[in-house]
Amino acid sequence: MPESTLCSTETALPQFRDVTSPFDGRVVGAVSLTESTAGKAVIETARIGARKARALSRNARGKILDGAATEIERRNEEFAQTIVSEAGKTIRQARKEVLRAVNTLRLSAAEARRNAGEVIPFDSYEGSEDRTGWYSREPLGIIAAITPFNDPLNLVAHKIGPAIAGGNAVILKPSALTPLSAQMLTDALVNSGLPTEALTLVHGDREVAETIIRSRDVRMVSFTGGFSTGESIARTAGLKKLSMDLGGNAPVIVLDDAHIENAVESCVSGAFWAAGQNCVGVQRILVAAPVYSAFRQRFLEATAQLVTGDPLDELTDVGPMISPAAVHGLQSKLDEALDAGAVLLAGNVTDGNVLHPTVLEAVPEDSRLWTEEVFGPVVMLRKFNTFEEAIDVANAIDFSLHAGIFTDSLARAMEAAHRLEAGGVMINDSSDYRFDGMPFGGAKYGSMGREGVHFAYEEMTQPKVICIKK
């Protein structure tokens, strides 16, 4: 995931920060910056918000979340245009993100109403026959949420929705590159009845962020972003709950009995969706030797048909990367791999922040391009000879969110699902498939905890046992 979620310290901040389009650099909005010294005031506001949020009935929480979902649905094109303007997603992709955010909020509303706890069968244990009771799910209190640029609406909804459903207050620090969608979501929730103190939006430097993360009043930090930033947050946070999605490097295995056309279509979409700025995007495609040539030819043909350019154009498939720095960083990895012997099959052409879909093979497996998260429109092909080899190569990376496999053999699909070290295995589908109600997180260094509305809700609440002796 991107490393840009915490901004560098500045000695003097302007009152506002402009937000610019990654496609053409024009100013598309501005946010009011939180002063470096305002951390304690933010915490005090959140304390008030936590009391007000806890006092909301489950029905009230559900109505707030459903109301916000309805407002976003009504203003769907406005939200989509904002995502395009600040994040550079294509308009078609942005519209899908808006629909997903609506679903995330509705799932959160349902969780608020449904997941109140369970009856405990005390009388199932000898000596406790005269006791009855239950456990309820109680809010943690204040949750700090830090989000990246690549899904500026839905990833924010994934943190705020379950937190509100659980009766918590949230301090939200969205990416400095894409804060406008977060502000619109915040406004929709407040318009639907959320107390203003229950959701505080922070735009500022490292000092204010660290004050919030370090505070003992903050009971949980939910972070999506890069590994080094995650390590820094963990060191700063102290003893509190941490939920982190720290990126991936998704392998997809194409076996010799796979339906090649389906595999190609899914992998092209999975590799280049959102200009490859996707933590579960297809990065390493491992193809069985008997079908490698056929797969490569069809993959390159399909890639060549993708339209790059203006993300507001309805025909565009691949828009810009988020910033010149992101393009430069990926270009450095590409140059290193090519100098070390990788073979370029397509792409590696830039127009401003637009990197044309890039395909390589024979990439050295000790190169940064192979071992690290690409987070751009670059995919690598590799031939394998045995099923064992494919599994070993797929598992050789420390970051693992999702993996995929294409095969007509249920037995081999299930064996791969058992042996692949990943938080999710997509069978006959791209690694980038995600439903907002499923548990989402990684294996190894890919994450801590799980997102997905039900699972995040349980991370953001705690059981309280009530036991009555007759």
Protein backbone atom coordinates (compact mmCIF):
# COMPACT_ATOMS: atom_id res chain seq x y z
CA MET A 1 0.00 0.00 0.00
CA PRO A 2 1.10 3.62 -0.41
CA GLU A 3 3.39 5.18 2.17
CA SER A 4 1.85 8.65 1.92
CA THR A 5 -0.72 8.48 4.72
CA LEU A 6 1.40 10.37 7.26
CA CYS A 7 2.77 13.68 6.05
CA SER A 8 6.23 14.97 6.81
CA THR A 9 6.65 17.52 9.57
CA GLU A 10 6.49 21.16 8.55
CA THR A 11 7.63 24.07 10.67
CA ALA A 12 4.84 26.36 9.49
CA LEU A 13 1.63 25.15 7.89
CA PRO A 14 -0.58 27.27 5.65
CA GLN A 15 -4.22 27.54 6.64
CA PHE A 16 -5.38 25.47 3.66
CA ARG A 17 -3.91 22.77 1.44
CA ASP A 18 -4.86 22.53 -2.21
CA VAL A 19 -5.93 19.19 -3.63
CA THR A 20 -4.81 18.65 -7.21
CA SER A 21 -5.78 16.29 -10.02
CA PRO A 22 -3.18 13.58 -10.64
CA PHE A 23 -4.05 13.70 -14.34
CA ASP A 24 -3.51 17.35 -15.22
CA GLY A 25 -2.39 19.01 -11.98
CA ARG A 26 -5.31 21.41 -11.75
CA VAL A 27 -6.58 22.40 -8.30
CA VAL A 28 -9.81 20.52 -7.61
CA GLY A 29 -10.41 21.59 -4.01
CA ALA A 30 -8.83 22.50 -0.71
CA VAL A 31 -8.97 21.42 2.93
CA SER A 32 -8.47 23.37 6.12
CA LEU A 33 -5.37 22.10 7.89
CA THR A 34 -5.37 21.00 11.51
CA GLU A 35 -2.74 22.88 13.50
CA SER A 36 0.25 20.86 14.68
CA THR A 37 -0.58 21.61 18.31
CA ALA A 38 -4.28 20.72 18.02
CA GLY A 39 -3.94 17.02 18.90
CA LYS A 40 -5.11 17.40 22.51
CA ALA A 41 -8.13 19.46 21.44
CA VAL A 42 -9.03 16.80 18.86
CA ILE A 43 -8.86 14.13 21.57
CA GLU A 44 -11.08 16.19 23.89
CA THR A 45 -13.68 16.57 21.15
CA ALA A 46 -13.55 12.83 20.52
CA ARG A 47 -14.11 12.14 24.23
CA ILE A 48 -17.37 14.07 24.00
CA GLY A 49 -18.15 12.24 20.76
CA ALA A 50 -17.53 8.85 22.36
CA ARG A 51 -20.09 9.59 25.08
CA LYS A 52 -22.65 10.74 22.52
CA ALA A 53 -21.99 7.80 20.18
CA ARG A 54 -22.33 5.26 23.00
CA ALA A 55 -25.67 6.81 23.95
CA LEU A 56 -27.12 6.31 20.47
CA SER A 57 -29.52 3.38 20.25
CA ARG A 58 -28.79 0.67 17.73
CA ASN A 59 -31.80 1.86 15.79
CA ALA A 60 -30.38 5.40 15.70
CA ARG A 61 -26.97 4.18 14.52
CA GLY A 62 -28.63 2.15 11.79
CA LYS A 63 -30.73 5.12 10.66
CA ILE A 64 -27.65 7.36 10.48
CA LEU A 65 -25.72 4.85 8.38
CA ASP A 66 -28.68 4.10 6.12
CA GLY A 67 -29.36 7.82 5.75
CA ALA A 68 -25.78 8.49 4.65
CA ALA A 69 -25.97 5.58 2.19
CA THR A 70 -29.15 7.03 0.72
CA GLU A 71 -27.59 10.49 0.36
CA ILE A 72 -24.53 9.07 -1.39
CA GLU A 73 -26.77 7.02 -3.67
CA ARG A 74 -28.75 10.15 -4.55
CA ARG A 75 -25.55 12.13 -5.24
CA ASN A 76 -23.69 9.21 -6.82
CA GLU A 77 -22.39 11.10 -9.85
CA GLU A 78 -21.09 13.96 -7.68
CA PHE A 79 -19.21 11.49 -5.48
CA ALA A 80 -17.85 9.67 -8.54
CA GLN A 81 -16.63 12.89 -10.13
CA THR A 82 -14.85 13.81 -6.88
CA ILE A 83 -13.07 10.44 -6.80
CA VAL A 84 -11.93 10.95 -10.40
CA SER A 85 -10.77 14.50 -9.72
CA GLU A 86 -8.64 13.77 -6.65
CA ALA A 87 -7.61 10.11 -7.11
CA GLY A 88 -7.45 9.75 -10.91
CA LYS A 89 -9.66 6.66 -11.08
CA THR A 90 -11.55 6.35 -14.32
CA ILE A 91 -15.15 7.50 -14.16
CA ARG A 92 -16.46 3.97 -14.66
CA GLN A 93 -14.30 2.67 -11.82
CA ALA A 94 -15.28 5.59 -9.59
CA ARG A 95 -18.97 4.87 -10.07
CA LYS A 96 -18.39 1.30 -8.94
CA GLU A 97 -16.54 2.54 -5.87
CA VAL A 98 -19.52 4.73 -4.96
CA LEU A 99 -21.86 1.72 -5.22
CA ARG A 100 -19.52 -0.29 -3.00
CA ALA A 101 -19.42 2.49 -0.40
CA VAL A 102 -23.22 2.56 -0.32
CA ASN A 103 -23.23 -1.19 0.27
CA THR A 104 -20.55 -0.89 2.98
CA LEU A 105 -22.68 1.62 4.88
CA ARG A 106 -25.82 -0.48 4.52
CA LEU A 107 -23.98 -3.56 5.77
CA SER A 108 -22.78 -1.46 8.71
CA ALA A 109 -26.35 -0.36 9.46
CA ALA A 110 -27.48 -3.98 9.47
CA GLU A 111 -24.60 -4.90 11.80
CA ALA A 112 -25.60 -2.15 14.23
CA ARG A 113 -29.10 -3.56 14.47
CA ARG A 114 -28.19 -7.25 14.46
CA ASN A 115 -24.96 -7.89 16.32
CA ALA A 116 -25.84 -7.01 19.91
CA GLY A 117 -24.42 -10.12 21.58
CA GLU A 118 -25.61 -13.61 22.50
CA VAL A 119 -27.17 -15.59 25.31
CA ILE A 120 -24.60 -17.56 27.34
CA PRO A 121 -25.70 -21.11 28.35
CA PHE A 122 -24.49 -20.90 31.94
CA ASP A 123 -26.64 -23.87 32.94
CA SER A 124 -24.70 -26.15 30.59
CA TYR A 125 -21.96 -26.33 33.23
CA GLU A 126 -22.52 -28.26 36.47
CA GLY A 127 -22.79 -25.86 39.37
CA SER A 128 -24.09 -22.98 37.23
CA GLU A 129 -27.65 -24.21 36.77
CA ASP A 130 -29.00 -21.29 38.79
CA ARG A 131 -27.40 -18.67 36.59
CA THR A 132 -28.58 -17.07 33.38
CA GLY A 133 -27.21 -14.26 31.27
CA TRP A 134 -25.72 -12.97 28.06
CA TYR A 135 -22.93 -10.91 26.63
CA SER A 136 -23.38 -7.62 24.83
CA ARG A 137 -21.03 -5.97 22.36
CA GLU A 138 -19.83 -2.65 23.74
CA PRO A 139 -17.94 0.19 21.99
CA LEU A 140 -14.20 0.55 22.52
CA GLY A 141 -14.50 4.34 22.74
CA ILE A 142 -12.28 6.38 20.41
CA ILE A 143 -10.89 4.86 17.21
CA ALA A 144 -8.22 6.54 15.08
CA ALA A 145 -8.57 5.69 11.38
CA ILE A 146 -5.86 6.41 8.79
CA THR A 147 -6.68 5.78 5.14
CA PRO A 148 -4.79 5.79 1.80
CA PHE A 149 -5.53 7.43 -1.54
CA ASN A 150 -6.47 4.50 -3.75
CA ASP A 151 -10.09 4.00 -2.58
CA PRO A 152 -10.77 7.42 -1.07
CA LEU A 153 -14.46 6.79 -0.39
CA ASN A 154 -14.98 3.07 0.19
CA LEU A 155 -11.89 2.45 2.33
CA VAL A 156 -12.98 5.34 4.55
CA ALA A 157 -16.48 3.83 4.73
CA HIS A 158 -14.93 0.51 5.77
CA LYS A 159 -13.44 2.15 8.85
CA ILE A 160 -16.15 4.65 9.76
CA GLY A 161 -19.17 2.43 9.09
CA PRO A 162 -18.37 -0.44 11.49
CA ALA A 163 -17.01 2.01 14.09
CA ILE A 164 -20.26 3.99 14.15
CA ALA A 165 -22.30 0.78 14.13
CA GLY A 166 -20.45 -0.22 17.29
CA GLY A 167 -21.12 3.09 19.05
CA ASN A 168 -17.61 4.52 18.80
CA ALA A 169 -16.23 7.96 18.06
CA VAL A 170 -13.76 8.20 15.17
CA ILE A 171 -10.81 10.49 14.48
CA LEU A 172 -10.21 10.17 10.74
CA LYS A 173 -7.00 11.12 8.96
CA PRO A 174 -7.50 10.53 5.23
CA SER A 175 -4.67 10.66 2.71
CA ALA A 176 -3.41 14.19 2.15
CA LEU A 177 -3.73 13.44 -1.58
CA THR A 178 -7.42 12.51 -1.52
CA PRO A 179 -9.26 14.17 1.39
CA LEU A 180 -12.31 15.47 -0.49
CA SER A 181 -14.26 12.20 -0.70
CA ALA A 182 -13.73 11.66 3.03
CA GLN A 183 -15.11 15.12 3.76
CA MET A 184 -18.18 14.44 1.63
CA LEU A 185 -18.79 11.14 3.45
CA THR A 186 -18.39 12.88 6.81
CA ASP A 187 -20.91 15.52 5.77
CA ALA A 188 -23.38 12.84 4.67
CA LEU A 189 -23.17 11.13 8.07
CA VAL A 190 -23.62 14.38 9.98
CA ASN A 191 -26.53 15.32 7.72
CA SER A 192 -28.09 11.98 8.68
CA GLY A 193 -27.89 12.71 12.40
CA LEU A 194 -24.40 11.70 13.55
CA PRO A 195 -23.21 13.99 16.35
CA THR A 196 -20.45 16.19 14.96
CA GLU A 197 -18.12 15.28 17.83
CA ALA A 198 -18.40 11.57 16.96
CA LEU A 199 -16.42 11.98 13.73
CA THR A 200 -13.47 14.37 13.64
CA LEU A 201 -11.63 14.87 10.37
CA VAL A 202 -7.94 15.73 10.71
CA HIS A 203 -5.77 17.16 7.93
CA GLY A 204 -2.30 17.91 9.20
CA ASP A 205 1.30 16.99 9.75
CA ARG A 206 3.04 14.13 11.52
CA GLU A 207 2.99 15.90 14.89
CA VAL A 208 -0.79 16.03 15.19
CA ALA A 209 -1.11 12.45 13.90
CA GLU A 210 1.40 11.13 16.42
CA THR A 211 -0.32 12.95 19.28
CA ILE A 212 -3.57 11.21 18.38
CA ILE A 213 -2.00 7.78 17.84
CA ARG A 214 -0.07 7.99 21.12
CA SER A 215 -3.02 9.13 23.25
CA ARG A 216 -4.20 6.61 25.86
CA ASP A 217 -7.75 7.79 25.16
CA VAL A 218 -7.53 6.24 21.68
CA ARG A 219 -8.38 2.58 22.14
CA MET A 220 -7.71 1.38 18.59
CA VAL A 221 -5.81 2.47 15.49
CA SER A 222 -7.12 1.20 12.15
CA PHE A 223 -4.58 1.81 9.40
CA THR A 224 -4.36 0.99 5.70
CA GLY A 225 -1.08 1.86 4.05
CA GLY A 226 2.58 0.98 3.69
CA PHE A 227 4.63 -1.37 5.84
CA SER A 228 7.16 1.19 7.10
CA THR A 229 4.38 3.59 8.14
CA GLY A 230 2.61 0.69 9.87
CA GLU A 231 5.77 -0.10 11.84
CA SER A 232 6.07 3.55 12.87
CA ILE A 233 2.44 3.61 14.03
CA ALA A 234 2.92 0.41 16.04
CA ARG A 235 5.93 1.90 17.82
CA THR A 236 4.04 5.10 18.60
CA ALA A 237 0.69 3.63 19.59
CA GLY A 238 1.68 1.74 22.73
CA LEU A 239 -0.77 -0.70 24.30
CA LYS A 240 -3.92 -0.47 22.21
CA LYS A 241 -5.65 -2.49 19.53
CA LEU A 242 -4.14 -2.26 16.06
CA SER A 243 -5.79 -3.23 12.79
CA MET A 244 -3.55 -2.88 9.75
CA ASP A 245 -3.69 -3.68 6.06
CA LEU A 246 -0.07 -3.32 4.96
CA GLY A 247 -0.21 -4.33 1.32
CA GLY A 248 0.27 -7.38 -0.86
CA ASN A 249 2.01 -8.90 -3.84
CA ALA A 250 -0.67 -11.07 -5.38
CA PRO A 251 0.23 -14.25 -7.28
CA VAL A 252 -2.18 -15.81 -9.76
CA ILE A 253 -1.58 -19.38 -10.94
CA VAL A 254 -2.87 -20.48 -14.36
CA LEU A 255 -2.83 -24.27 -14.66
CA ASP A 256 -2.71 -26.15 -17.95
CA ASP A 257 -6.41 -27.07 -17.78
CA ALA A 258 -7.58 -23.49 -17.24
CA HIS A 259 -9.98 -21.69 -19.57
CA ILE A 260 -7.42 -19.33 -21.10
CA GLU A 261 -9.86 -16.64 -22.27
CA ASN A 262 -11.44 -16.34 -18.82
CA ALA A 263 -8.02 -16.26 -17.16
CA VAL A 264 -6.75 -13.56 -19.50
CA GLU A 265 -9.83 -11.36 -19.09
CA SER A 266 -9.72 -11.60 -15.29
CA CYS A 267 -5.98 -11.07 -15.03
CA VAL A 268 -5.91 -8.05 -17.35
CA SER A 269 -8.67 -6.41 -15.31
CA GLY A 270 -7.02 -7.40 -12.03
CA ALA A 271 -3.61 -6.08 -13.06
CA PHE A 272 -4.63 -2.70 -14.45
CA TRP A 273 -7.77 -1.71 -12.52
CA ALA A 274 -7.26 1.69 -10.85
CA ALA A 275 -3.93 1.97 -12.71
CA GLY A 276 -2.70 -1.00 -10.69
CA GLN A 277 -2.94 0.99 -7.43
CA ASN A 278 -4.68 -1.86 -5.68
CA CYS A 279 -3.30 -3.92 -2.81
CA VAL A 280 -4.93 -7.11 -4.13
CA GLY A 281 -4.21 -6.36 -7.79
CA VAL A 282 -2.65 -9.09 -9.93
CA GLN A 283 1.15 -8.70 -9.81
CA ARG A 284 2.79 -12.07 -10.54
CA ILE A 285 1.10 -14.40 -13.04
CA LEU A 286 2.49 -17.93 -12.91
CA VAL A 287 1.51 -19.90 -16.02
CA ALA A 288 1.92 -23.62 -16.70
CA ALA A 289 4.51 -24.30 -19.41
CA PRO A 290 2.13 -26.07 -21.87
CA VAL A 291 -0.16 -23.01 -22.08
CA TYR A 292 2.37 -20.24 -21.44
CA SER A 293 2.79 -19.12 -25.06
CA ALA A 294 -0.95 -19.05 -25.73
CA PHE A 295 -1.64 -17.18 -22.50
CA ARG A 296 1.11 -14.63 -23.13
CA GLN A 297 -0.10 -13.90 -26.66
CA ARG A 298 -3.73 -13.40 -25.59
CA PHE A 299 -2.71 -11.38 -22.53
CA LEU A 300 -0.61 -8.99 -24.63
CA GLU A 301 -3.41 -8.64 -27.20
CA ALA A 302 -5.93 -7.79 -24.49
CA THR A 303 -3.53 -5.38 -22.80
CA ALA A 304 -2.94 -3.56 -26.10
CA GLN A 305 -6.67 -2.88 -26.38
CA LEU A 306 -6.79 -0.90 -23.12
CA VAL A 307 -7.37 2.84 -23.50
CA THR A 308 -5.17 5.11 -21.40
CA GLY A 309 -5.55 8.79 -20.65
CA ASP A 310 -8.14 11.18 -19.24
CA PRO A 311 -9.99 9.41 -16.40
CA LEU A 312 -13.13 11.48 -17.07
CA ASP A 313 -13.42 10.01 -20.57
CA GLU A 314 -16.00 7.20 -20.52
CA LEU A 315 -13.77 5.10 -22.81
CA THR A 316 -10.64 5.27 -20.63
CA ASP A 317 -9.55 2.02 -18.96
CA VAL A 318 -6.31 3.15 -17.30
CA GLY A 319 -5.90 6.62 -15.85
CA PRO A 320 -2.98 8.27 -14.05
CA MET A 321 -1.01 7.11 -11.07
CA ILE A 322 -1.50 9.30 -8.04
CA SER A 323 1.61 11.51 -8.30
CA PRO A 324 4.92 12.11 -10.10
CA ALA A 325 6.67 10.62 -7.05
CA ALA A 326 4.70 7.39 -7.42
CA VAL A 327 5.55 7.18 -11.12
CA HIS A 328 9.22 7.87 -10.43
CA GLY A 329 9.40 5.24 -7.68
CA LEU A 330 7.89 2.55 -9.90
CA GLN A 331 10.05 3.59 -12.86
CA SER A 332 13.13 3.10 -10.67
CA LYS A 333 12.07 -0.49 -9.92
CA LEU A 334 11.36 -1.11 -13.61
CA ASP A 335 14.78 0.21 -14.65
CA GLU A 336 16.54 -1.96 -12.07
CA ALA A 337 14.71 -5.09 -13.22
CA LEU A 338 15.35 -4.39 -16.91
CA ASP A 339 19.04 -3.73 -16.24
CA ALA A 340 19.17 -7.08 -14.43
CA GLY A 341 17.76 -9.00 -17.40
CA ALA A 342 13.98 -8.67 -17.31
CA VAL A 343 12.30 -8.70 -20.72
CA LEU A 344 9.81 -5.94 -21.55
CA LEU A 345 6.79 -7.23 -23.48
CA ALA A 346 4.59 -4.12 -23.43
CA GLY A 347 4.34 -0.62 -21.99
CA ASN A 348 6.93 1.23 -19.92
CA VAL A 349 5.78 4.44 -21.61
CA THR A 350 4.68 7.46 -19.60
CA ASP A 351 2.50 10.46 -20.46
CA GLY A 352 2.64 12.69 -17.41
CA ASN A 353 1.42 10.53 -14.53
CA VAL A 354 -0.08 7.95 -16.89
CA LEU A 355 2.09 4.84 -17.12
CA HIS A 356 0.87 2.68 -19.97
CA PRO A 357 0.03 -0.92 -18.97
CA THR A 358 3.37 -2.67 -18.65
CA VAL A 359 4.06 -6.40 -18.98
CA LEU A 360 7.38 -8.15 -18.33
CA GLU A 361 8.76 -11.66 -18.18
CA ALA A 362 12.03 -13.17 -16.94
CA VAL A 363 12.03 -10.73 -14.04
CA PRO A 364 14.79 -11.60 -11.54
CA GLU A 365 13.15 -12.98 -8.41
CA ASP A 366 15.48 -11.04 -6.14
CA SER A 367 14.55 -7.70 -7.75
CA ARG A 368 12.43 -5.13 -5.95
CA LEU A 369 9.89 -5.31 -8.76
CA TRP A 370 9.29 -8.98 -7.99
CA THR A 371 9.58 -8.98 -4.19
CA GLU A 372 7.84 -5.71 -3.27
CA GLU A 373 4.34 -4.41 -3.87
CA VAL A 374 4.26 -2.76 -7.31
CA PHE A 375 1.19 -0.54 -6.75
CA GLY A 376 1.06 0.54 -10.37
CA PRO A 377 0.04 -0.78 -13.82
CA VAL A 378 2.82 -3.38 -14.04
CA VAL A 379 2.42 -7.16 -14.19
CA MET A 380 4.96 -9.97 -14.53
CA LEU A 381 4.60 -13.32 -16.29
CA ARG A 382 6.52 -16.44 -15.26
CA LYS A 383 6.44 -19.97 -16.65
CA PHE A 384 6.36 -22.97 -14.29
CA ASN A 385 6.73 -26.69 -14.90
CA THR A 386 5.10 -28.33 -11.87
CA PHE A 387 2.27 -27.57 -9.47
CA GLU A 388 4.74 -27.74 -6.57
CA GLU A 389 6.93 -25.11 -8.22
CA ALA A 390 3.97 -22.78 -8.68
CA ILE A 391 2.96 -23.03 -5.03
CA ASP A 392 6.52 -22.47 -3.82
CA VAL A 393 7.01 -19.38 -6.03
CA ALA A 394 3.63 -17.97 -5.03
CA ASN A 395 4.44 -18.34 -1.32
CA ALA A 396 7.97 -16.94 -1.49
CA ILE A 397 6.91 -13.34 -0.77
CA ASP A 398 6.48 -11.89 2.74
CA PHE A 399 3.38 -9.83 1.86
CA SER A 400 0.26 -11.79 1.02
CA LEU A 401 -3.31 -10.55 0.93
CA HIS A 402 -5.00 -12.42 -1.92
CA ALA A 403 -4.00 -15.09 -4.41
CA GLY A 404 -5.80 -16.60 -7.40
CA ILE A 405 -5.83 -19.85 -9.35
CA PHE A 406 -7.42 -20.82 -12.66
CA THR A 407 -8.14 -24.50 -13.22
CA ASP A 408 -10.93 -26.90 -14.18
CA SER A 409 -9.79 -29.35 -11.50
CA LEU A 410 -11.66 -28.99 -8.21
CA ALA A 411 -9.08 -31.18 -6.49
CA ARG A 412 -6.14 -29.01 -7.55
CA ALA A 413 -8.08 -25.83 -6.81
CA MET A 414 -8.79 -26.99 -3.27
CA GLU A 415 -5.21 -28.14 -2.73
CA ALA A 416 -3.98 -24.73 -3.84
CA ALA A 417 -6.51 -23.00 -1.59
CA HIS A 418 -5.19 -25.04 1.33
CA ARG A 419 -1.51 -24.44 0.61
CA LEU A 420 -1.39 -20.84 -0.63
CA GLU A 421 -0.32 -18.49 2.17
CA ALA A 422 -2.83 -15.70 1.69
CA GLY A 423 -5.77 -14.06 3.40
CA GLY A 424 -8.02 -15.09 0.52
CA VAL A 425 -7.79 -17.44 -2.46
CA MET A 426 -9.94 -16.66 -5.50
CA ILE A 427 -10.65 -19.71 -7.66
CA ASN A 428 -11.20 -19.02 -11.37
CA ASP A 429 -11.22 -15.32 -10.55
CA SER A 430 -8.76 -12.46 -10.27
CA SER A 431 -6.97 -11.91 -6.98
CA ASP A 432 -8.51 -8.44 -6.84
CA TYR A 433 -12.06 -9.68 -6.27
CA ARG A 434 -13.47 -8.41 -2.98
CA PHE A 435 -16.99 -8.34 -1.54
CA ASP A 436 -17.39 -5.78 1.22
CA GLY A 437 -18.99 -8.26 3.59
CA MET A 438 -16.16 -10.82 3.50
CA PRO A 439 -13.21 -10.88 5.92
CA PHE A 440 -10.34 -8.97 4.35
CA GLY A 441 -6.73 -9.13 5.45
CA GLY A 442 -3.46 -10.87 4.80
CA ALA A 443 -1.12 -13.62 5.85
CA LYS A 444 2.44 -13.13 7.07
CA TYR A 445 3.30 -9.41 6.97
CA GLY A 446 0.22 -8.55 4.91
CA SER A 447 -1.92 -7.33 7.79
CA MET A 448 -2.99 -7.41 11.41
CA GLY A 449 -6.66 -8.13 12.04
CA ARG A 450 -9.45 -8.22 9.48
CA GLU A 451 -11.65 -5.71 7.71
CA GLY A 452 -14.99 -6.44 6.09
CA VAL A 453 -17.98 -4.93 7.90
CA HIS A 454 -18.92 -7.77 10.28
CA PHE A 455 -15.30 -8.53 11.13
CA ALA A 456 -14.27 -4.89 11.57
CA TYR A 457 -17.33 -4.35 13.78
CA GLU A 458 -16.19 -7.14 16.08
CA GLU A 459 -12.65 -5.72 16.13
CA MET A 460 -14.11 -2.33 17.10
CA THR A 461 -16.31 -3.62 19.92
CA GLN A 462 -15.73 -5.75 23.02
CA PRO A 463 -17.91 -8.30 24.83
CA LYS A 464 -19.40 -7.49 28.22
CA VAL A 465 -20.78 -10.44 30.21
CA ILE A 466 -23.97 -10.03 32.25
CA CYS A 467 -24.62 -12.94 34.66
CA ILE A 468 -27.68 -13.19 36.91
CA LYS A 469 -27.89 -15.66 39.80
CA LYS A 470 -31.43 -16.70 40.60
